[in-house]
PDB file of N, CA and C in Angstrom:
ATOM      1  N   MET A   1       1.394  -4.215  -7.341  1.00  0.00           N
ATOM      2  CA  MET A   1       1.483  -3.004  -6.518  1.00  0.00           C
ATOM      3  C   MET A   1       1.500  -3.469  -5.022  1.00  0.00           C
ATOM      4  N   VAL A   2       2.403  -2.830  -4.294  1.00  0.00           N
ATOM      5  CA  VAL A   2       2.443  -3.056  -2.852  1.00  0.00           C
ATOM      6  C   VAL A   2       2.315  -1.690  -2.216  1.00  0.00           C
ATOM      7  N   LEU A   3       1.349  -1.587  -1.309  1.00  0.00           N
ATOM      8  CA  LEU A   3       1.103  -0.309  -0.551  1.00  0.00           C
ATOM      9  C   LEU A   3       1.469  -0.627   0.883  1.00  0.00           C
ATOM     10  N   HIS A   4       2.500   0.016   1.327  1.00  0.00           N
ATOM     11  CA  HIS A   4       3.179  -0.399   2.573  1.00  0.00           C
ATOM     12  C   HIS A   4       3.319   0.734   3.605  1.00  0.00           C
ATOM     13  N   GLY A   5       2.869   0.491   4.791  1.00  0.00           N
ATOM     14  CA  GLY A   5       3.091   1.351   5.910  1.00  0.00           C
ATOM     15  C   GLY A   5       4.550   1.237   6.364  1.00  0.00           C
ATOM     16  N   TRP A   6       5.359   2.246   6.180  1.00  0.00           N
ATOM     17  CA  TRP A   6       6.760   2.215   6.417  1.00  0.00           C
ATOM     18  C   TRP A   6       7.165   1.800   7.846  1.00  0.00           C
ATOM     19  N   GLU A   7       6.249   2.130   8.779  1.00  0.00           N
ATOM     20  CA  GLU A   7       6.503   1.767  10.191  1.00  0.00           C
ATOM     21  C   GLU A   7       5.836   0.486  10.635  1.00  0.00           C
ATOM     22  N   ASP A   8       5.333  -0.273   9.714  1.00  0.00           N
ATOM     23  CA  ASP A   8       4.620  -1.556   9.979  1.00  0.00           C
ATOM     24  C   ASP A   8       5.542  -2.581  10.585  1.00  0.00           C
ATOM     25  N   PRO A   9       5.313  -2.920  11.841  1.00  0.00           N
ATOM     26  CA  PRO A   9       6.207  -3.894  12.521  1.00  0.00           C
ATOM     27  C   PRO A   9       5.903  -5.343  12.017  1.00  0.00           C
ATOM     28  N   MET A  10       4.766  -5.549  11.446  1.00  0.00           N
ATOM     29  CA  MET A  10       4.405  -6.910  10.934  1.00  0.00           C
ATOM     30  C   MET A  10       5.004  -7.132   9.569  1.00  0.00           C
ATOM     31  N   ALA A  11       5.368  -6.118   8.838  1.00  0.00           N
ATOM     32  CA  ALA A  11       5.926  -6.275   7.541  1.00  0.00           C
ATOM     33  C   ALA A  11       7.088  -5.241   7.469  1.00  0.00           C
ATOM     34  N   PRO A  12       8.193  -5.539   8.123  1.00  0.00           N
ATOM     35  CA  PRO A  12       9.311  -4.572   8.236  1.00  0.00           C
ATOM     36  C   PRO A  12       9.791  -4.165   6.840  1.00  0.00           C
ATOM     37  N   ARG A  13      10.357  -2.945   6.820  1.00  0.00           N
ATOM     38  CA  ARG A  13      10.782  -2.362   5.526  1.00  0.00           C
ATOM     39  C   ARG A  13      11.820  -3.292   4.806  1.00  0.00           C
ATOM     40  N   GLU A  14      12.616  -4.006   5.563  1.00  0.00           N
ATOM     41  CA  GLU A  14      13.522  -4.948   4.949  1.00  0.00           C
ATOM     42  C   GLU A  14      12.837  -6.034   4.167  1.00  0.00           C
ATOM     43  N   ASP A  15      11.670  -6.434   4.643  1.00  0.00           N
ATOM     44  CA  ASP A  15      10.862  -7.428   3.889  1.00  0.00           C
ATOM     45  C   ASP A  15      10.337  -6.779   2.566  1.00  0.00           C
ATOM     46  N   GLY A  16       9.925  -5.542   2.598  1.00  0.00           N
ATOM     47  CA  GLY A  16       9.542  -4.868   1.449  1.00  0.00           C
ATOM     48  C   GLY A  16      10.591  -4.737   0.443  1.00  0.00           C
ATOM     49  N   LEU A  17      11.787  -4.451   0.813  1.00  0.00           N
ATOM     50  CA  LEU A  17      12.921  -4.303  -0.043  1.00  0.00           C
ATOM     51  C   LEU A  17      13.319  -5.700  -0.641  1.00  0.00           C
ATOM     52  N   ALA A  18      13.236  -6.719   0.184  1.00  0.00           N
ATOM     53  CA  ALA A  18      13.459  -8.088  -0.345  1.00  0.00           C
ATOM     54  C   ALA A  18      12.463  -8.482  -1.361  1.00  0.00           C
ATOM     55  N   LEU A  19      11.188  -8.105  -1.125  1.00  0.00           N
ATOM     56  CA  LEU A  19      10.141  -8.422  -2.054  1.00  0.00           C
ATOM     57  C   LEU A  19      10.420  -7.651  -3.375  1.00  0.00           C
ATOM     58  N   ALA A  20      10.861  -6.451  -3.289  1.00  0.00           N
ATOM     59  CA  ALA A  20      11.138  -5.674  -4.579  1.00  0.00           C
ATOM     60  C   ALA A  20      12.264  -6.339  -5.296  1.00  0.00           C
ATOM     61  N   ASP A  21      13.311  -6.793  -4.600  1.00  0.00           N
ATOM     62  CA  ASP A  21      14.434  -7.534  -5.240  1.00  0.00           C
ATOM     63  C   ASP A  21      13.888  -8.827  -5.941  1.00  0.00           C
ATOM     64  N   GLU A  22      13.012  -9.518  -5.243  1.00  0.00           N
ATOM     65  CA  GLU A  22      12.490 -10.757  -5.816  1.00  0.00           C
ATOM     66  C   GLU A  22      11.674 -10.479  -7.045  1.00  0.00           C
ATOM     67  N   MET A  23      10.786  -9.510  -6.980  1.00  0.00           N
ATOM     68  CA  MET A  23       9.985  -9.152  -8.145  1.00  0.00           C
ATOM     69  C   MET A  23      10.813  -8.731  -9.287  1.00  0.00           C
ATOM     70  N   THR A  24      11.853  -7.941  -9.042  1.00  0.00           N
ATOM     71  CA  THR A  24      12.835  -7.565 -10.111  1.00  0.00           C
ATOM     72  C   THR A  24      13.462  -8.740 -10.761  1.00  0.00           C
ATOM     73  N   ARG A  25      13.938  -9.676  -9.949  1.00  0.00           N
ATOM     74  CA  ARG A  25      14.575 -10.832 -10.490  1.00  0.00           C
ATOM     75  C   ARG A  25      13.613 -11.669 -11.350  1.00  0.00           C
ATOM     76  N   ALA A  26      12.364 -11.677 -10.979  1.00  0.00           N
ATOM     77  CA  ALA A  26      11.284 -12.445 -11.684  1.00  0.00           C
ATOM     78  C   ALA A  26      10.833 -11.695 -12.933  1.00  0.00           C
ATOM     79  N   GLY A  27      11.300 -10.482 -13.130  1.00  0.00           N
ATOM     80  CA  GLY A  27      10.881  -9.742 -14.331  1.00  0.00           C
ATOM     81  C   GLY A  27       9.549  -9.104 -14.238  1.00  0.00           C
ATOM     82  N   ALA A  28       8.985  -9.007 -13.041  1.00  0.00           N
ATOM     83  CA  ALA A  28       7.656  -8.479 -12.897  1.00  0.00           C
ATOM     84  C   ALA A  28       7.615  -6.942 -13.091  1.00  0.00           C
ATOM     85  N   ASP A  29       6.473  -6.460 -13.578  1.00  0.00           N
ATOM     86  CA  ASP A  29       6.247  -5.059 -13.633  1.00  0.00           C
ATOM     87  C   ASP A  29       5.584  -4.701 -12.258  1.00  0.00           C
ATOM     88  N   TRP A  30       6.357  -4.008 -11.418  1.00  0.00           N
ATOM     89  CA  TRP A  30       5.911  -3.879 -10.017  1.00  0.00           C
ATOM     90  C   TRP A  30       6.031  -2.390  -9.542  1.00  0.00           C
ATOM     91  N   GLN A  31       5.281  -2.101  -8.497  1.00  0.00           N
ATOM     92  CA  GLN A  31       5.482  -0.840  -7.777  1.00  0.00           C
ATOM     93  C   GLN A  31       5.422  -1.113  -6.297  1.00  0.00           C
ATOM     94  N   LEU A  32       6.275  -0.426  -5.505  1.00  0.00           N
ATOM     95  CA  LEU A  32       6.157  -0.446  -4.066  1.00  0.00           C
ATOM     96  C   LEU A  32       6.029   0.969  -3.642  1.00  0.00           C
ATOM     97  N   ARG A  33       4.953   1.242  -2.953  1.00  0.00           N
ATOM     98  CA  ARG A  33       4.688   2.569  -2.504  1.00  0.00           C
ATOM     99  C   ARG A  33       4.675   2.499  -0.926  1.00  0.00           C
ATOM    100  N   ALA A  34       5.527   3.302  -0.321  1.00  0.00           N
ATOM    101  CA  ALA A  34       5.634   3.228   1.108  1.00  0.00           C
ATOM    102  C   ALA A  34       5.082   4.549   1.689  1.00  0.00           C
ATOM    103  N   TYR A  35       4.306   4.444   2.765  1.00  0.00           N
ATOM    104  CA  TYR A  35       3.713   5.587   3.349  1.00  0.00           C
ATOM    105  C   TYR A  35       4.314   5.864   4.754  1.00  0.00           C
ATOM    106  N   GLY A  36       5.004   7.044   4.863  1.00  0.00           N
ATOM    107  CA  GLY A  36       5.700   7.362   6.086  1.00  0.00           C
ATOM    108  C   GLY A  36       4.780   7.487   7.262  1.00  0.00           C
ATOM    109  N   HIS A  37       5.216   7.069   8.431  1.00  0.00           N
ATOM    110  CA  HIS A  37       4.484   7.174   9.706  1.00  0.00           C
ATOM    111  C   HIS A  37       3.249   6.320   9.686  1.00  0.00           C
ATOM    112  N   ALA A  38       3.127   5.366   8.778  1.00  0.00           N
ATOM    113  CA  ALA A  38       1.973   4.429   8.738  1.00  0.00           C
ATOM    114  C   ALA A  38       2.349   3.135   9.281  1.00  0.00           C
ATOM    115  N   LEU A  39       1.406   2.601  10.085  1.00  0.00           N
ATOM    116  CA  LEU A  39       1.573   1.215  10.681  1.00  0.00           C
ATOM    117  C   LEU A  39       0.783   0.214   9.857  1.00  0.00           C
ATOM    118  N   HIS A  40       0.671  -1.020  10.386  1.00  0.00           N
ATOM    119  CA  HIS A  40      -0.163  -2.038   9.702  1.00  0.00           C
ATOM    120  C   HIS A  40      -1.615  -1.571   9.766  1.00  0.00           C
ATOM    121  N   ALA A  41      -2.357  -2.036   8.813  1.00  0.00           N
ATOM    122  CA  ALA A  41      -3.845  -1.689   8.741  1.00  0.00           C
ATOM    123  C   ALA A  41      -4.154  -0.168   8.660  1.00  0.00           C
ATOM    124  N   PHE A  42      -3.249   0.532   7.869  1.00  0.00           N
ATOM    125  CA  PHE A  42      -3.425   2.031   7.904  1.00  0.00           C
ATOM    126  C   PHE A  42      -4.679   2.469   7.153  1.00  0.00           C
ATOM    127  N   THR A  43      -5.347   1.594   6.478  1.00  0.00           N
ATOM    128  CA  THR A  43      -6.559   1.950   5.789  1.00  0.00           C
ATOM    129  C   THR A  43      -7.843   1.621   6.652  1.00  0.00           C
ATOM    130  N   ALA A  44      -7.669   0.987   7.738  1.00  0.00           N
ATOM    131  CA  ALA A  44      -8.799   0.535   8.580  1.00  0.00           C
ATOM    132  C   ALA A  44      -9.297   1.666   9.525  1.00  0.00           C
ATOM    133  N   GLU A  45     -10.234   2.456   8.995  1.00  0.00           N
ATOM    134  CA  GLU A  45     -10.705   3.564   9.804  1.00  0.00           C
ATOM    135  C   GLU A  45     -11.249   3.073  11.071  1.00  0.00           C
ATOM    136  N   GLY A  46     -10.933   3.773  12.201  1.00  0.00           N
ATOM    137  CA  GLY A  46     -11.413   3.415  13.498  1.00  0.00           C
ATOM    138  C   GLY A  46     -10.468   2.602  14.261  1.00  0.00           C
ATOM    139  N   ILE A  47      -9.485   2.042  13.625  1.00  0.00           N
ATOM    140  CA  ILE A  47      -8.460   1.203  14.320  1.00  0.00           C
ATOM    141  C   ILE A  47      -7.370   2.100  14.851  1.00  0.00           C
ATOM    142  N   HIS A  48      -7.072   1.936  16.128  1.00  0.00           N
ATOM    143  CA  HIS A  48      -6.026   2.737  16.747  1.00  0.00           C
ATOM    144  C   HIS A  48      -5.373   1.907  17.929  1.00  0.00           C
ATOM    145  N   MET A  49      -4.491   1.007  17.596  1.00  0.00           N
ATOM    146  CA  MET A  49      -3.790   0.245  18.611  1.00  0.00           C
ATOM    147  C   MET A  49      -2.301   0.239  18.263  1.00  0.00           C
ATOM    148  N   PRO A  50      -1.706   1.458  18.376  1.00  0.00           N
ATOM    149  CA  PRO A  50      -0.246   1.529  17.955  1.00  0.00           C
ATOM    150  C   PRO A  50       0.623   0.624  18.770  1.00  0.00           C
ATOM    151  N   GLU A  51       0.248   0.315  20.003  1.00  0.00           N
ATOM    152  CA  GLU A  51       1.069  -0.590  20.847  1.00  0.00           C
ATOM    153  C   GLU A  51       1.131  -1.977  20.209  1.00  0.00           C
ATOM    154  N   ARG A  52       0.131  -2.314  19.350  1.00  0.00           N
ATOM    155  CA  ARG A  52       0.103  -3.583  18.670  1.00  0.00           C
ATOM    156  C   ARG A  52       0.603  -3.440  17.198  1.00  0.00           C
ATOM    157  N   GLY A  53       0.977  -2.254  16.867  1.00  0.00           N
ATOM    158  CA  GLY A  53       1.498  -2.056  15.518  1.00  0.00           C
ATOM    159  C   GLY A  53       0.430  -1.742  14.425  1.00  0.00           C
ATOM    160  N   ILE A  54      -0.788  -1.480  14.852  1.00  0.00           N
ATOM    161  CA  ILE A  54      -1.798  -1.213  13.855  1.00  0.00           C
ATOM    162  C   ILE A  54      -2.512   0.133  14.230  1.00  0.00           C
ATOM    163  N   SER A  55      -2.768   0.925  13.147  1.00  0.00           N
ATOM    164  CA  SER A  55      -3.474   2.163  13.379  1.00  0.00           C
ATOM    165  C   SER A  55      -3.868   2.779  12.089  1.00  0.00           C
ATOM    166  N   TYR A  56      -5.016   3.392  12.026  1.00  0.00           N
ATOM    167  CA  TYR A  56      -5.483   4.119  10.831  1.00  0.00           C
ATOM    168  C   TYR A  56      -4.633   5.308  10.667  1.00  0.00           C
ATOM    169  N   ASN A  57      -4.371   5.633   9.422  1.00  0.00           N
ATOM    170  CA  ASN A  57      -3.667   6.838   9.032  1.00  0.00           C
ATOM    171  C   ASN A  57      -4.362   7.465   7.870  1.00  0.00           C
ATOM    172  N   ALA A  58      -5.085   8.535   8.071  1.00  0.00           N
ATOM    173  CA  ALA A  58      -5.978   9.147   7.122  1.00  0.00           C
ATOM    174  C   ALA A  58      -5.181   9.558   5.809  1.00  0.00           C
ATOM    175  N   ALA A  59      -4.032  10.173   5.980  1.00  0.00           N
ATOM    176  CA  ALA A  59      -3.243  10.593   4.822  1.00  0.00           C
ATOM    177  C   ALA A  59      -2.810   9.376   3.963  1.00  0.00           C
ATOM    178  N   ALA A  60      -2.326   8.348   4.646  1.00  0.00           N
ATOM    179  CA  ALA A  60      -1.825   7.151   3.937  1.00  0.00           C
ATOM    180  C   ALA A  60      -3.039   6.460   3.263  1.00  0.00           C
ATOM    181  N   ALA A  61      -4.140   6.424   3.916  1.00  0.00           N
ATOM    182  CA  ALA A  61      -5.365   5.747   3.377  1.00  0.00           C
ATOM    183  C   ALA A  61      -5.791   6.488   2.142  1.00  0.00           C
ATOM    184  N   ARG A  62      -5.877   7.806   2.224  1.00  0.00           N
ATOM    185  CA  ARG A  62      -6.256   8.615   1.016  1.00  0.00           C
ATOM    186  C   ARG A  62      -5.308   8.445  -0.144  1.00  0.00           C
ATOM    187  N   ARG A  63      -4.013   8.548   0.152  1.00  0.00           N
ATOM    188  CA  ARG A  63      -2.994   8.400  -0.889  1.00  0.00           C
ATOM    189  C   ARG A  63      -3.008   6.991  -1.510  1.00  0.00           C
ATOM    190  N   SER A  64      -3.176   5.966  -0.682  1.00  0.00           N
ATOM    191  CA  SER A  64      -3.231   4.589  -1.203  1.00  0.00           C
ATOM    192  C   SER A  64      -4.414   4.352  -2.033  1.00  0.00           C
ATOM    193  N   TRP A  65      -5.616   4.890  -1.678  1.00  0.00           N
ATOM    194  CA  TRP A  65      -6.820   4.759  -2.510  1.00  0.00           C
ATOM    195  C   TRP A  65      -6.544   5.413  -3.850  1.00  0.00           C
ATOM    196  N   LYS A  66      -5.932   6.542  -3.914  1.00  0.00           N
ATOM    197  CA  LYS A  66      -5.612   7.251  -5.153  1.00  0.00           C
ATOM    198  C   LYS A  66      -4.668   6.364  -5.970  1.00  0.00           C
ATOM    199  N   ALA A  67      -3.672   5.701  -5.385  1.00  0.00           N
ATOM    200  CA  ALA A  67      -2.746   4.869  -6.073  1.00  0.00           C
ATOM    201  C   ALA A  67      -3.461   3.673  -6.688  1.00  0.00           C
ATOM    202  N   ILE A  68      -4.406   3.094  -5.877  1.00  0.00           N
ATOM    203  CA  ILE A  68      -5.185   1.920  -6.371  1.00  0.00           C
ATOM    204  C   ILE A  68      -6.041   2.336  -7.541  1.00  0.00           C
ATOM    205  N   SER A  69      -6.682   3.509  -7.452  1.00  0.00           N
ATOM    206  CA  SER A  69      -7.495   4.027  -8.573  1.00  0.00           C
ATOM    207  C   SER A  69      -6.685   4.168  -9.825  1.00  0.00           C
ATOM    208  N   GLU A  70      -5.464   4.754  -9.681  1.00  0.00           N
ATOM    209  CA  GLU A  70      -4.561   5.006 -10.822  1.00  0.00           C
ATOM    210  C   GLU A  70      -4.179   3.689 -11.464  1.00  0.00           C
ATOM    211  N   ILE A  71      -3.802   2.681 -10.731  1.00  0.00           N
ATOM    212  CA  ILE A  71      -3.333   1.449 -11.296  1.00  0.00           C
ATOM    213  C   ILE A  71      -4.497   0.681 -11.980  1.00  0.00           C
ATOM    214  N   LEU A  72      -5.703   0.776 -11.411  1.00  0.00           N
ATOM    215  CA  LEU A  72      -6.889   0.178 -12.067  1.00  0.00           C
ATOM    216  C   LEU A  72      -7.130   0.839 -13.420  1.00  0.00           C
ATOM    217  N   ILE A  73      -7.119   2.178 -13.456  1.00  0.00           N
ATOM    218  CA  ILE A  73      -7.376   2.879 -14.673  1.00  0.00           C
ATOM    219  C   ILE A  73      -6.306   2.507 -15.678  1.00  0.00           C
ATOM    220  N   GLU A  74      -5.025   2.430 -15.251  1.00  0.00           N
ATOM    221  CA  GLU A  74      -3.963   2.032 -16.138  1.00  0.00           C
ATOM    222  C   GLU A  74      -4.118   0.648 -16.702  1.00  0.00           C
ATOM    223  N   THR A  75      -4.585  -0.254 -15.874  1.00  0.00           N
ATOM    224  CA  THR A  75      -4.599  -1.679 -16.330  1.00  0.00           C
ATOM    225  C   THR A  75      -5.927  -2.129 -16.963  1.00  0.00           C
ATOM    226  N   ILE A  76      -7.035  -1.585 -16.511  1.00  0.00           N
ATOM    227  CA  ILE A  76      -8.323  -1.983 -17.045  1.00  0.00           C
ATOM    228  C   ILE A  76      -9.100  -0.852 -17.683  1.00  0.00           C
ATOM    229  N   GLY A  77      -8.653   0.392 -17.543  1.00  0.00           N
ATOM    230  CA  GLY A  77      -9.327   1.510 -18.179  1.00  0.00           C
ATOM    231  C   GLY A  77     -10.293   2.230 -17.287  1.00  0.00           C
ATOM    232  N   GLN A  78     -10.871   3.308 -17.836  1.00  0.00           N
ATOM    233  CA  GLN A  78     -11.868   4.078 -17.110  1.00  0.00           C
ATOM    234  C   GLN A  78     -13.150   3.257 -16.952  1.00  0.00           C
ATOM    235  N   PRO A  79     -13.878   3.530 -15.803  1.00  0.00           N
ATOM    236  CA  PRO A  79     -15.142   2.769 -15.652  1.00  0.00           C
ATOM    237  C   PRO A  79     -16.164   3.297 -16.667  1.00  0.00           C
ATOM    238  N   ASP A  80     -17.001   2.443 -17.097  1.00  0.00           N
ATOM    239  CA  ASP A  80     -18.113   2.804 -18.019  1.00  0.00           C
ATOM    240  C   ASP A  80     -19.229   3.290 -17.192  1.00  0.00           C
ATOM    241  N   ARG A  81     -19.444   4.545 -17.076  1.00  0.00           N
ATOM    242  CA  ARG A  81     -20.399   5.161 -16.142  1.00  0.00           C
ATOM    243  C   ARG A  81     -21.865   5.047 -16.702  1.00  0.00           C
ATOM    244  N   ASP A  82     -22.014   4.683 -17.934  1.00  0.00           N
ATOM    245  CA  ASP A  82     -23.338   4.505 -18.552  1.00  0.00           C
ATOM    246  C   ASP A  82     -24.029   3.214 -18.215  1.00  0.00           C
ATOM    247  N   HIS A  83     -23.316   2.212 -17.634  1.00  0.00           N
ATOM    248  CA  HIS A  83     -23.937   0.960 -17.392  1.00  0.00           C
ATOM    249  C   HIS A  83     -23.747   0.539 -15.887  1.00  0.00           C
TER     250      HIS A  83
END
């Protein structure tokens, strides 16, 4: 799973598309989720330096956390809340 800020200047969208092509050729089971208007470090609350290409994005952070939770449940199952 790749969670990508679509406006990230450090990992341009072309690189994400190339990675998707490479993973497809390798036969990997993969996902690429891109978050619009998100820069690099979009989950780092308190960071806001858009001139450097990094900035927190609350919507992208929330959505990416949900995506991570979903893939973990899919791959390893629900957490055992009794232990």
